[in-house]
N, C-alpha and C. Protein backbone atom coordinates (compact mmCIF):
# COMPACT_ATOMS: atom_id res chain seq x y z
N UNK A 1 -27.26 -45.78 10.23
CA UNK A 1 -26.71 -45.73 8.91
C UNK A 1 -27.29 -44.50 8.13
N UNK A 2 -28.68 -44.31 8.33
CA UNK A 2 -29.32 -43.16 7.63
C UNK A 2 -28.70 -41.86 8.04
N UNK A 3 -28.39 -41.73 9.39
CA UNK A 3 -27.77 -40.48 9.93
C UNK A 3 -26.38 -40.28 9.39
N UNK A 4 -25.66 -41.37 9.21
CA UNK A 4 -24.30 -41.30 8.67
C UNK A 4 -24.35 -40.81 7.21
N UNK A 5 -25.29 -41.32 6.38
CA UNK A 5 -25.39 -40.85 5.05
C UNK A 5 -25.78 -39.37 4.98
N UNK A 6 -26.73 -38.95 5.87
CA UNK A 6 -27.11 -37.58 5.88
C UNK A 6 -25.93 -36.66 6.23
N UNK A 7 -25.17 -37.04 7.27
CA UNK A 7 -24.00 -36.34 7.67
C UNK A 7 -23.01 -36.20 6.52
N UNK A 8 -22.71 -37.33 5.82
CA UNK A 8 -21.80 -37.40 4.81
C UNK A 8 -22.30 -36.50 3.59
N UNK A 9 -23.53 -36.53 3.29
CA UNK A 9 -24.12 -35.69 2.29
C UNK A 9 -23.98 -34.20 2.62
N UNK A 10 -24.25 -33.87 3.89
CA UNK A 10 -24.15 -32.46 4.34
C UNK A 10 -22.73 -32.01 4.21
N UNK A 11 -21.71 -32.80 4.61
CA UNK A 11 -20.31 -32.51 4.55
C UNK A 11 -19.86 -32.27 3.09
N UNK A 12 -20.37 -33.24 2.23
CA UNK A 12 -20.04 -33.13 0.80
C UNK A 12 -20.56 -31.84 0.18
N UNK A 13 -21.88 -31.46 0.58
CA UNK A 13 -22.44 -30.22 0.12
C UNK A 13 -21.74 -28.99 0.63
N UNK A 14 -21.30 -29.02 1.86
CA UNK A 14 -20.55 -27.91 2.44
C UNK A 14 -19.19 -27.74 1.68
N UNK A 15 -18.55 -28.82 1.38
CA UNK A 15 -17.28 -28.83 0.73
C UNK A 15 -17.43 -28.19 -0.65
N UNK A 16 -18.42 -28.58 -1.43
CA UNK A 16 -18.73 -28.06 -2.76
C UNK A 16 -19.05 -26.58 -2.64
N UNK A 17 -19.84 -26.20 -1.66
CA UNK A 17 -20.15 -24.83 -1.52
C UNK A 17 -18.93 -23.97 -1.22
N UNK A 18 -17.99 -24.53 -0.40
CA UNK A 18 -16.80 -23.76 -0.06
C UNK A 18 -15.92 -23.68 -1.31
N UNK A 19 -15.81 -24.66 -2.13
CA UNK A 19 -15.07 -24.62 -3.32
C UNK A 19 -15.55 -23.58 -4.35
N UNK A 20 -16.94 -23.40 -4.36
CA UNK A 20 -17.49 -22.41 -5.27
C UNK A 20 -17.22 -21.03 -4.74
N UNK A 21 -17.20 -20.88 -3.39
CA UNK A 21 -16.90 -19.57 -2.87
C UNK A 21 -15.44 -19.19 -3.11
N UNK A 22 -14.52 -20.12 -3.06
CA UNK A 22 -13.13 -19.77 -3.35
C UNK A 22 -12.89 -19.47 -4.77
N UNK A 23 -13.82 -19.90 -5.64
CA UNK A 23 -13.66 -19.63 -7.08
C UNK A 23 -14.43 -18.37 -7.48
N UNK A 24 -14.70 -17.48 -6.53
CA UNK A 24 -15.50 -16.21 -6.82
C UNK A 24 -14.84 -15.47 -7.92
N UNK A 25 -15.59 -15.11 -8.90
CA UNK A 25 -15.09 -14.45 -10.07
C UNK A 25 -15.19 -12.89 -9.83
N UNK A 26 -14.02 -12.27 -9.84
CA UNK A 26 -13.94 -10.89 -9.64
C UNK A 26 -13.46 -10.13 -10.88
N UNK A 27 -13.75 -10.72 -12.07
CA UNK A 27 -13.34 -10.08 -13.32
C UNK A 27 -13.97 -8.73 -13.50
N UNK A 28 -13.18 -7.75 -13.80
CA UNK A 28 -13.56 -6.38 -14.02
C UNK A 28 -12.67 -5.38 -13.43
N UNK A 29 -13.08 -4.11 -13.56
CA UNK A 29 -12.22 -2.95 -13.10
C UNK A 29 -12.44 -2.80 -11.67
N UNK A 30 -11.55 -2.12 -11.06
CA UNK A 30 -11.59 -1.77 -9.54
C UNK A 30 -10.88 -0.44 -9.36
N UNK A 31 -11.31 0.20 -8.29
CA UNK A 31 -10.61 1.42 -7.75
C UNK A 31 -10.58 1.23 -6.28
N UNK A 32 -9.35 1.44 -5.66
CA UNK A 32 -9.29 1.37 -4.20
C UNK A 32 -8.48 2.59 -3.70
N UNK A 33 -8.91 2.95 -2.45
CA UNK A 33 -8.32 4.09 -1.71
C UNK A 33 -7.97 3.66 -0.35
N UNK A 34 -6.76 3.98 0.11
CA UNK A 34 -6.31 3.63 1.45
C UNK A 34 -5.67 4.84 2.09
N UNK A 35 -5.80 4.95 3.39
CA UNK A 35 -5.13 6.05 4.13
C UNK A 35 -4.64 5.41 5.40
N UNK A 36 -3.50 5.90 5.90
CA UNK A 36 -3.03 5.43 7.20
C UNK A 36 -1.69 6.03 7.63
N UNK A 37 -0.96 5.26 8.41
CA UNK A 37 0.31 5.68 8.99
C UNK A 37 1.49 5.14 8.16
N UNK A 38 2.47 5.99 7.92
CA UNK A 38 3.69 5.57 7.31
C UNK A 38 4.86 5.76 8.27
N UNK A 39 5.70 4.78 8.33
CA UNK A 39 6.90 4.80 9.16
C UNK A 39 8.10 4.78 8.31
N UNK A 40 8.94 5.85 8.41
CA UNK A 40 10.12 6.05 7.55
C UNK A 40 11.31 5.50 8.37
N UNK A 41 12.26 4.89 7.66
CA UNK A 41 13.65 4.65 8.31
C UNK A 41 14.64 4.94 7.18
N UNK A 42 15.63 5.80 7.46
CA UNK A 42 16.50 6.25 6.44
C UNK A 42 17.97 5.92 6.89
N UNK A 43 18.77 5.57 5.84
CA UNK A 43 20.22 5.39 6.02
C UNK A 43 20.91 6.18 4.85
N UNK A 44 22.11 6.64 5.11
CA UNK A 44 22.93 7.26 4.04
C UNK A 44 24.30 6.59 4.16
N UNK A 45 24.65 5.87 3.08
CA UNK A 45 25.95 5.05 3.02
C UNK A 45 26.05 4.19 4.29
N UNK A 46 24.97 3.49 4.66
CA UNK A 46 24.90 2.61 5.81
C UNK A 46 24.99 3.30 7.19
N UNK A 47 24.94 4.64 7.16
CA UNK A 47 24.86 5.36 8.44
C UNK A 47 23.39 5.61 8.76
N UNK A 48 22.98 5.24 9.90
CA UNK A 48 21.59 5.28 10.38
C UNK A 48 21.16 6.75 10.58
N UNK A 49 20.19 7.31 9.77
CA UNK A 49 19.72 8.66 9.93
C UNK A 49 18.49 8.74 10.84
N UNK A 50 17.89 7.54 11.15
CA UNK A 50 16.81 7.57 12.10
C UNK A 50 15.46 7.24 11.45
N UNK A 51 14.39 7.37 12.29
CA UNK A 51 13.03 6.98 11.88
C UNK A 51 12.09 8.09 12.21
N UNK A 52 10.99 8.15 11.46
CA UNK A 52 9.95 9.18 11.70
C UNK A 52 8.60 8.58 11.24
N UNK A 53 7.57 9.23 11.61
CA UNK A 53 6.18 8.75 11.19
C UNK A 53 5.42 9.95 10.52
N UNK A 54 4.49 9.50 9.72
CA UNK A 54 3.60 10.53 9.04
C UNK A 54 2.39 9.89 8.60
N UNK A 55 1.66 10.51 7.64
CA UNK A 55 0.40 10.01 7.07
C UNK A 55 0.52 9.80 5.57
N UNK A 56 -0.03 8.67 5.17
CA UNK A 56 0.09 8.30 3.72
C UNK A 56 -1.29 8.04 3.13
N UNK A 57 -1.42 8.26 1.86
CA UNK A 57 -2.65 8.02 1.07
C UNK A 57 -2.25 7.25 -0.20
N UNK A 58 -3.01 6.23 -0.50
CA UNK A 58 -2.71 5.37 -1.65
C UNK A 58 -4.00 5.24 -2.47
N UNK A 59 -3.89 5.55 -3.83
CA UNK A 59 -5.06 5.40 -4.74
C UNK A 59 -4.63 4.55 -5.86
N UNK A 60 -5.40 3.54 -6.11
CA UNK A 60 -5.07 2.53 -7.27
C UNK A 60 -6.30 2.29 -8.12
N UNK A 61 -6.09 1.97 -9.34
CA UNK A 61 -7.14 1.47 -10.22
C UNK A 61 -6.51 0.40 -11.11
N UNK A 62 -7.40 -0.53 -11.51
CA UNK A 62 -6.89 -1.64 -12.36
C UNK A 62 -7.95 -2.51 -12.87
N UNK A 63 -7.49 -3.71 -13.25
CA UNK A 63 -8.39 -4.69 -13.82
C UNK A 63 -7.93 -6.11 -13.44
N UNK A 64 -8.93 -6.91 -12.98
CA UNK A 64 -8.65 -8.27 -12.58
C UNK A 64 -9.36 -9.25 -13.46
N UNK A 65 -8.69 -10.37 -13.83
CA UNK A 65 -9.37 -11.48 -14.45
C UNK A 65 -9.41 -12.58 -13.43
N UNK A 66 -10.62 -12.95 -13.05
CA UNK A 66 -10.80 -13.92 -11.95
C UNK A 66 -10.37 -13.19 -10.64
N UNK A 67 -9.14 -13.56 -10.16
CA UNK A 67 -8.70 -12.98 -8.86
C UNK A 67 -7.37 -12.32 -8.99
N UNK A 68 -6.77 -12.24 -10.15
CA UNK A 68 -5.48 -11.59 -10.32
C UNK A 68 -5.47 -10.63 -11.53
N UNK A 69 -4.71 -9.57 -11.35
CA UNK A 69 -4.69 -8.52 -12.43
C UNK A 69 -3.60 -7.54 -12.29
N UNK A 70 -3.76 -6.34 -12.98
CA UNK A 70 -2.78 -5.35 -12.87
C UNK A 70 -3.39 -4.09 -12.21
N UNK A 71 -2.51 -3.22 -11.71
CA UNK A 71 -2.95 -2.01 -11.13
C UNK A 71 -1.96 -0.86 -11.46
N UNK A 72 -2.39 0.34 -11.35
CA UNK A 72 -1.62 1.52 -11.52
C UNK A 72 -2.15 2.50 -10.53
N UNK A 73 -1.29 3.38 -9.92
CA UNK A 73 -1.82 4.29 -8.95
C UNK A 73 -0.80 5.34 -8.54
N UNK A 74 -1.24 6.07 -7.50
CA UNK A 74 -0.43 7.21 -6.93
C UNK A 74 -0.38 6.96 -5.50
N UNK A 75 0.81 7.21 -4.91
CA UNK A 75 1.02 7.10 -3.42
C UNK A 75 1.64 8.37 -2.96
N UNK A 76 0.98 8.95 -1.95
CA UNK A 76 1.47 10.16 -1.29
C UNK A 76 2.01 9.69 0.07
N UNK A 77 3.36 9.72 0.20
CA UNK A 77 4.05 9.29 1.44
C UNK A 77 3.98 10.26 2.62
N UNK A 78 3.34 11.42 2.36
CA UNK A 78 3.30 12.42 3.41
C UNK A 78 4.57 13.17 3.53
N UNK A 79 4.78 13.84 4.70
CA UNK A 79 5.96 14.65 4.83
C UNK A 79 6.36 14.62 6.34
N UNK A 80 7.61 14.94 6.48
CA UNK A 80 8.13 15.10 7.89
C UNK A 80 8.83 16.47 7.86
N UNK A 81 8.83 17.05 9.08
CA UNK A 81 9.51 18.44 9.17
C UNK A 81 10.10 18.56 10.50
N UNK A 82 11.01 19.51 10.60
CA UNK A 82 11.75 19.81 11.79
C UNK A 82 12.05 21.33 11.93
N UNK A 83 11.88 21.90 13.05
CA UNK A 83 12.15 23.31 13.26
C UNK A 83 13.04 23.36 14.53
N UNK A 84 14.15 24.15 14.38
CA UNK A 84 15.12 24.30 15.45
C UNK A 84 15.48 25.78 15.49
N UNK A 85 14.81 26.53 16.31
CA UNK A 85 15.07 27.94 16.43
C UNK A 85 14.79 28.63 15.12
N UNK A 86 15.76 29.03 14.37
CA UNK A 86 15.59 29.78 13.10
C UNK A 86 15.73 28.90 11.87
N UNK A 87 15.91 27.60 12.06
CA UNK A 87 16.08 26.67 10.97
C UNK A 87 14.95 25.76 10.79
N UNK A 88 14.48 25.59 9.60
CA UNK A 88 13.34 24.72 9.24
C UNK A 88 13.71 23.75 8.15
N UNK A 89 13.36 22.46 8.25
CA UNK A 89 13.57 21.49 7.17
C UNK A 89 12.30 20.67 6.93
N UNK A 90 12.15 20.30 5.78
CA UNK A 90 10.93 19.43 5.42
C UNK A 90 11.30 18.53 4.33
N UNK A 91 10.84 17.27 4.41
CA UNK A 91 11.03 16.26 3.39
C UNK A 91 9.74 15.63 3.11
N UNK A 92 9.31 15.49 1.83
CA UNK A 92 8.07 14.83 1.40
C UNK A 92 8.35 13.96 0.28
N UNK A 93 7.53 12.94 0.08
CA UNK A 93 7.68 12.03 -0.99
C UNK A 93 6.43 11.52 -1.56
N UNK A 94 6.38 11.24 -2.86
CA UNK A 94 5.26 10.70 -3.50
C UNK A 94 5.73 9.91 -4.76
N UNK A 95 4.79 9.23 -5.46
CA UNK A 95 5.17 8.52 -6.63
C UNK A 95 4.02 7.77 -7.27
N UNK A 96 4.34 7.26 -8.50
CA UNK A 96 3.40 6.52 -9.31
C UNK A 96 3.80 5.04 -9.24
N UNK A 97 2.76 4.13 -9.21
CA UNK A 97 2.98 2.72 -9.16
C UNK A 97 2.39 1.95 -10.35
N UNK A 98 2.97 0.85 -10.68
CA UNK A 98 2.45 -0.05 -11.76
C UNK A 98 2.79 -1.46 -11.33
N UNK A 99 1.88 -2.38 -11.24
CA UNK A 99 2.15 -3.67 -10.80
C UNK A 99 1.11 -4.68 -10.99
N UNK A 100 1.23 -5.82 -10.27
CA UNK A 100 0.19 -6.87 -10.29
C UNK A 100 -0.54 -6.80 -8.91
N UNK A 101 -1.73 -7.35 -8.94
CA UNK A 101 -2.61 -7.26 -7.79
C UNK A 101 -3.50 -8.56 -7.73
N UNK A 102 -3.56 -9.11 -6.51
CA UNK A 102 -4.38 -10.32 -6.34
C UNK A 102 -5.40 -10.16 -5.21
N UNK A 103 -6.60 -10.72 -5.37
CA UNK A 103 -7.69 -10.70 -4.39
C UNK A 103 -8.19 -12.06 -4.26
N UNK A 104 -7.88 -12.78 -3.18
CA UNK A 104 -8.19 -14.18 -3.00
C UNK A 104 -9.23 -14.39 -1.88
N UNK A 105 -10.23 -15.19 -2.10
CA UNK A 105 -11.29 -15.40 -1.13
C UNK A 105 -11.31 -16.79 -0.55
N UNK A 106 -10.70 -16.93 0.65
CA UNK A 106 -10.76 -18.30 1.34
C UNK A 106 -12.18 -18.64 1.79
N UNK A 107 -13.05 -17.64 2.11
CA UNK A 107 -14.44 -17.85 2.46
C UNK A 107 -15.26 -16.91 1.61
N UNK A 108 -16.57 -16.92 1.83
CA UNK A 108 -17.49 -16.12 1.04
C UNK A 108 -17.17 -14.66 1.15
N UNK A 109 -16.90 -14.12 2.32
CA UNK A 109 -16.74 -12.67 2.50
C UNK A 109 -15.30 -12.27 2.83
N UNK A 110 -14.54 -13.14 3.45
CA UNK A 110 -13.20 -12.75 3.88
C UNK A 110 -12.20 -12.90 2.66
N UNK A 111 -11.35 -11.90 2.56
CA UNK A 111 -10.35 -11.94 1.48
C UNK A 111 -8.95 -11.69 1.96
N UNK A 112 -7.95 -12.15 1.17
CA UNK A 112 -6.59 -11.89 1.37
C UNK A 112 -6.08 -11.29 0.09
N UNK A 113 -5.30 -10.20 0.20
CA UNK A 113 -4.80 -9.62 -1.02
C UNK A 113 -3.21 -9.50 -1.02
N UNK A 114 -2.69 -9.37 -2.18
CA UNK A 114 -1.26 -9.21 -2.39
C UNK A 114 -1.01 -8.31 -3.60
N UNK A 115 0.04 -7.55 -3.53
CA UNK A 115 0.31 -6.63 -4.69
C UNK A 115 1.84 -6.32 -4.70
N UNK A 116 2.33 -5.92 -5.83
CA UNK A 116 3.73 -5.52 -5.96
C UNK A 116 4.06 -5.01 -7.34
N UNK A 117 5.15 -4.23 -7.44
CA UNK A 117 5.53 -3.78 -8.72
C UNK A 117 6.51 -2.61 -8.65
N UNK A 118 6.51 -1.77 -9.66
CA UNK A 118 7.50 -0.68 -9.78
C UNK A 118 6.89 0.62 -9.13
N UNK A 119 7.81 1.41 -8.56
CA UNK A 119 7.43 2.59 -7.87
C UNK A 119 8.30 3.77 -8.38
N UNK A 120 7.74 4.60 -9.16
CA UNK A 120 8.54 5.79 -9.66
C UNK A 120 8.38 6.87 -8.65
N UNK A 121 9.39 7.14 -7.79
CA UNK A 121 9.25 8.02 -6.68
C UNK A 121 9.95 9.37 -6.87
N UNK A 122 9.50 10.32 -6.08
CA UNK A 122 10.14 11.66 -6.09
C UNK A 122 10.15 12.20 -4.60
N UNK A 123 11.31 12.58 -4.24
CA UNK A 123 11.48 13.23 -2.89
C UNK A 123 11.60 14.76 -3.16
N UNK A 124 11.00 15.50 -2.21
CA UNK A 124 11.09 17.00 -2.27
C UNK A 124 11.58 17.45 -0.95
N UNK A 125 12.74 18.14 -0.97
CA UNK A 125 13.34 18.62 0.32
C UNK A 125 13.48 20.12 0.28
N UNK A 126 13.19 20.75 1.50
CA UNK A 126 13.33 22.21 1.77
C UNK A 126 14.09 22.42 2.98
N UNK A 127 15.01 23.34 2.94
CA UNK A 127 15.82 23.83 4.08
C UNK A 127 15.87 25.33 4.13
N UNK A 128 15.43 25.88 5.30
CA UNK A 128 15.41 27.37 5.36
C UNK A 128 15.97 27.81 6.68
N UNK A 129 16.61 29.00 6.68
CA UNK A 129 17.11 29.60 7.96
C UNK A 129 16.81 31.11 7.83
N UNK A 130 16.31 31.65 8.95
CA UNK A 130 15.98 33.08 9.09
C UNK A 130 17.01 33.74 9.92
N UNK A 131 18.13 33.03 10.22
CA UNK A 131 19.21 33.62 11.10
C UNK A 131 19.92 34.67 10.20
N UNK A 132 19.99 35.98 10.66
CA UNK A 132 20.65 36.99 9.87
C UNK A 132 22.03 36.74 9.51
N UNK A 133 22.79 35.99 10.31
CA UNK A 133 24.17 35.67 10.07
C UNK A 133 24.32 34.56 9.01
N UNK A 134 23.30 33.71 8.87
CA UNK A 134 23.40 32.57 8.08
C UNK A 134 22.05 32.26 7.38
N UNK A 135 21.55 33.21 6.64
CA UNK A 135 20.26 33.05 6.02
C UNK A 135 20.30 32.24 4.74
N UNK A 136 19.32 31.27 4.55
CA UNK A 136 19.31 30.50 3.34
C UNK A 136 17.86 29.92 3.10
N UNK A 137 17.62 29.61 1.86
CA UNK A 137 16.31 29.02 1.50
C UNK A 137 16.65 28.09 0.32
N UNK A 138 16.81 26.77 0.58
CA UNK A 138 17.17 25.83 -0.42
C UNK A 138 16.07 24.82 -0.68
N UNK A 139 15.85 24.40 -1.94
CA UNK A 139 14.88 23.40 -2.32
C UNK A 139 15.57 22.41 -3.23
N UNK A 140 15.23 21.13 -3.13
CA UNK A 140 15.85 20.13 -4.03
C UNK A 140 14.87 18.99 -4.22
N UNK A 141 15.02 18.28 -5.32
CA UNK A 141 14.18 17.13 -5.58
C UNK A 141 15.07 16.00 -6.09
N UNK A 142 14.72 14.72 -5.83
CA UNK A 142 15.35 13.55 -6.40
C UNK A 142 14.30 12.64 -6.90
N UNK A 143 14.57 11.97 -8.00
CA UNK A 143 13.54 11.05 -8.56
C UNK A 143 14.27 9.79 -9.10
N UNK A 144 13.63 8.64 -8.99
CA UNK A 144 14.18 7.42 -9.45
C UNK A 144 13.10 6.27 -9.45
N UNK A 145 13.59 5.08 -9.78
CA UNK A 145 12.70 3.95 -9.94
C UNK A 145 12.99 3.02 -8.66
N UNK A 146 12.00 2.67 -7.94
CA UNK A 146 12.08 1.78 -6.82
C UNK A 146 11.08 0.62 -6.99
N UNK A 147 10.67 0.06 -5.88
CA UNK A 147 9.68 -1.05 -5.91
C UNK A 147 8.76 -0.93 -4.80
N UNK A 148 7.65 -1.60 -4.83
CA UNK A 148 6.72 -1.71 -3.69
C UNK A 148 6.09 -3.15 -3.64
N UNK A 149 5.69 -3.52 -2.47
CA UNK A 149 4.99 -4.85 -2.28
C UNK A 149 4.17 -4.69 -1.01
N UNK A 150 3.03 -5.47 -1.01
CA UNK A 150 2.13 -5.38 0.06
C UNK A 150 1.19 -6.53 0.20
N UNK A 151 0.60 -6.70 1.38
CA UNK A 151 -0.38 -7.71 1.70
C UNK A 151 -1.51 -7.08 2.43
N UNK A 152 -2.62 -7.72 2.38
CA UNK A 152 -3.86 -7.16 3.16
C UNK A 152 -4.86 -8.29 3.37
N UNK A 153 -5.85 -7.91 4.17
CA UNK A 153 -6.97 -8.76 4.43
C UNK A 153 -8.16 -7.89 4.72
N UNK A 154 -9.35 -8.40 4.49
CA UNK A 154 -10.55 -7.63 4.65
C UNK A 154 -11.79 -8.38 4.40
N UNK A 155 -12.85 -7.62 4.20
CA UNK A 155 -14.24 -8.18 4.17
C UNK A 155 -14.90 -7.66 2.87
N UNK A 156 -15.38 -8.57 2.05
CA UNK A 156 -16.21 -8.17 0.89
C UNK A 156 -17.64 -8.00 1.32
N UNK A 157 -18.09 -6.74 1.30
CA UNK A 157 -19.40 -6.41 1.77
C UNK A 157 -20.40 -6.98 0.78
N UNK A 158 -20.18 -6.84 -0.49
CA UNK A 158 -20.95 -7.42 -1.60
C UNK A 158 -20.08 -7.56 -2.84
N UNK A 159 -20.66 -7.84 -3.94
CA UNK A 159 -19.87 -8.07 -5.17
C UNK A 159 -19.09 -6.81 -5.57
N UNK A 160 -19.52 -5.63 -5.21
CA UNK A 160 -18.92 -4.33 -5.61
C UNK A 160 -18.04 -3.72 -4.62
N UNK A 161 -18.36 -3.88 -3.31
CA UNK A 161 -17.59 -3.18 -2.22
C UNK A 161 -16.85 -4.08 -1.29
N UNK A 162 -15.63 -3.64 -0.87
CA UNK A 162 -14.94 -4.26 0.20
C UNK A 162 -14.18 -3.25 1.04
N UNK A 163 -13.86 -3.66 2.29
CA UNK A 163 -13.09 -2.82 3.13
C UNK A 163 -11.98 -3.72 3.68
N UNK A 164 -10.81 -3.13 4.05
CA UNK A 164 -9.73 -3.91 4.49
C UNK A 164 -8.67 -3.16 5.28
N UNK A 165 -7.64 -3.95 5.66
CA UNK A 165 -6.43 -3.39 6.36
C UNK A 165 -5.23 -3.98 5.60
N UNK A 166 -4.25 -3.10 5.40
CA UNK A 166 -3.14 -3.49 4.52
C UNK A 166 -1.75 -3.06 5.20
N UNK A 167 -0.73 -3.78 4.76
CA UNK A 167 0.67 -3.37 5.01
C UNK A 167 1.35 -3.28 3.62
N UNK A 168 1.97 -2.18 3.36
CA UNK A 168 2.73 -2.00 2.13
C UNK A 168 4.23 -1.46 2.49
N UNK A 169 5.15 -1.92 1.65
CA UNK A 169 6.52 -1.42 1.80
C UNK A 169 6.93 -0.76 0.48
N UNK A 170 7.46 0.47 0.57
CA UNK A 170 7.93 1.20 -0.56
C UNK A 170 9.37 1.49 -0.41
N UNK A 171 10.22 1.07 -1.48
CA UNK A 171 11.66 1.26 -1.32
C UNK A 171 12.02 2.44 -2.18
N UNK A 172 12.82 3.36 -1.49
CA UNK A 172 13.41 4.52 -2.14
C UNK A 172 14.92 4.38 -1.91
N UNK A 173 15.71 4.29 -3.02
CA UNK A 173 17.09 4.16 -2.82
C UNK A 173 17.78 4.81 -4.04
N UNK A 174 18.79 5.70 -3.73
CA UNK A 174 19.58 6.31 -4.74
C UNK A 174 20.83 6.98 -4.15
N UNK A 175 22.02 6.72 -4.81
CA UNK A 175 23.27 7.29 -4.45
C UNK A 175 23.58 7.18 -2.90
N UNK A 176 23.42 6.02 -2.38
CA UNK A 176 23.65 5.79 -0.94
C UNK A 176 22.63 6.11 0.01
N UNK A 177 21.55 6.87 -0.46
CA UNK A 177 20.33 7.19 0.37
C UNK A 177 19.42 6.06 0.25
N UNK A 178 18.96 5.45 1.35
CA UNK A 178 18.00 4.37 1.37
C UNK A 178 16.94 4.69 2.35
N UNK A 179 15.66 4.81 1.90
CA UNK A 179 14.55 5.09 2.78
C UNK A 179 13.51 3.97 2.58
N UNK A 180 13.30 3.23 3.70
CA UNK A 180 12.27 2.22 3.72
C UNK A 180 10.98 2.79 4.30
N UNK A 181 9.88 2.68 3.57
CA UNK A 181 8.64 3.18 3.98
C UNK A 181 7.67 2.11 4.23
N UNK A 182 7.28 1.97 5.52
CA UNK A 182 6.26 0.98 5.96
C UNK A 182 4.98 1.62 6.12
N UNK A 183 3.94 1.20 5.38
CA UNK A 183 2.68 1.87 5.47
C UNK A 183 1.60 0.92 5.93
N UNK A 184 0.84 1.31 6.98
CA UNK A 184 -0.26 0.54 7.50
C UNK A 184 -1.53 1.36 7.21
N UNK A 185 -2.45 0.83 6.33
CA UNK A 185 -3.60 1.54 5.92
C UNK A 185 -4.92 0.78 6.19
N UNK A 186 -6.01 1.53 6.23
CA UNK A 186 -7.35 0.97 6.04
C UNK A 186 -7.81 1.38 4.65
N UNK A 187 -8.56 0.50 3.97
CA UNK A 187 -8.86 0.83 2.54
C UNK A 187 -10.33 0.40 2.28
N UNK A 188 -10.79 1.02 1.18
CA UNK A 188 -12.12 0.64 0.58
C UNK A 188 -11.87 0.40 -0.86
N UNK A 189 -12.58 -0.57 -1.45
CA UNK A 189 -12.43 -0.87 -2.85
C UNK A 189 -13.80 -1.00 -3.41
N UNK A 190 -13.97 -0.42 -4.70
CA UNK A 190 -15.15 -0.48 -5.48
C UNK A 190 -14.83 -1.30 -6.77
N UNK A 191 -15.62 -2.33 -7.06
CA UNK A 191 -15.36 -3.11 -8.35
C UNK A 191 -16.54 -2.83 -9.29
N UNK A 192 -16.20 -2.72 -10.53
CA UNK A 192 -17.26 -2.58 -11.55
C UNK A 192 -17.03 -3.45 -12.80
């Protein structure tokens, strides 16, 4: 009977300790930086233009109350390019974000994150040809409002620092052009 009471007391203590870990207070400002691989898939008026890969960088800053808050940041979607003899083409994209952000701790150190909001994007395109019979040098930009959403998981090193892995989706769509950007990053966050 005494062993049963000790076991029950230990389980109750562990349950209370777990509840306090899940209620970790992360109130304050934060800055996070992520870098990784972006996979593009483009369509124009439902015609498949194909897929390509590049490198992306994401920088965010914000404020959380407890475990949820707001963020604003900048995302560089990298660029893709193609060269065919005398013709060269390059497309790059970037933009500003504003949205909500959550950081949830199921255990003392492990966390799950979620985020989403508005993405003000800009695409930059360049096409050049050095062919003497058909020489050209064209540049164009498009800008509009899209959206982004993402999830992640990671490890809280201490109250101020964490590292993680994330998946984010950035939607770029205008006048029949639709580019879905899937970004896989590793990140670090500093909380103050």
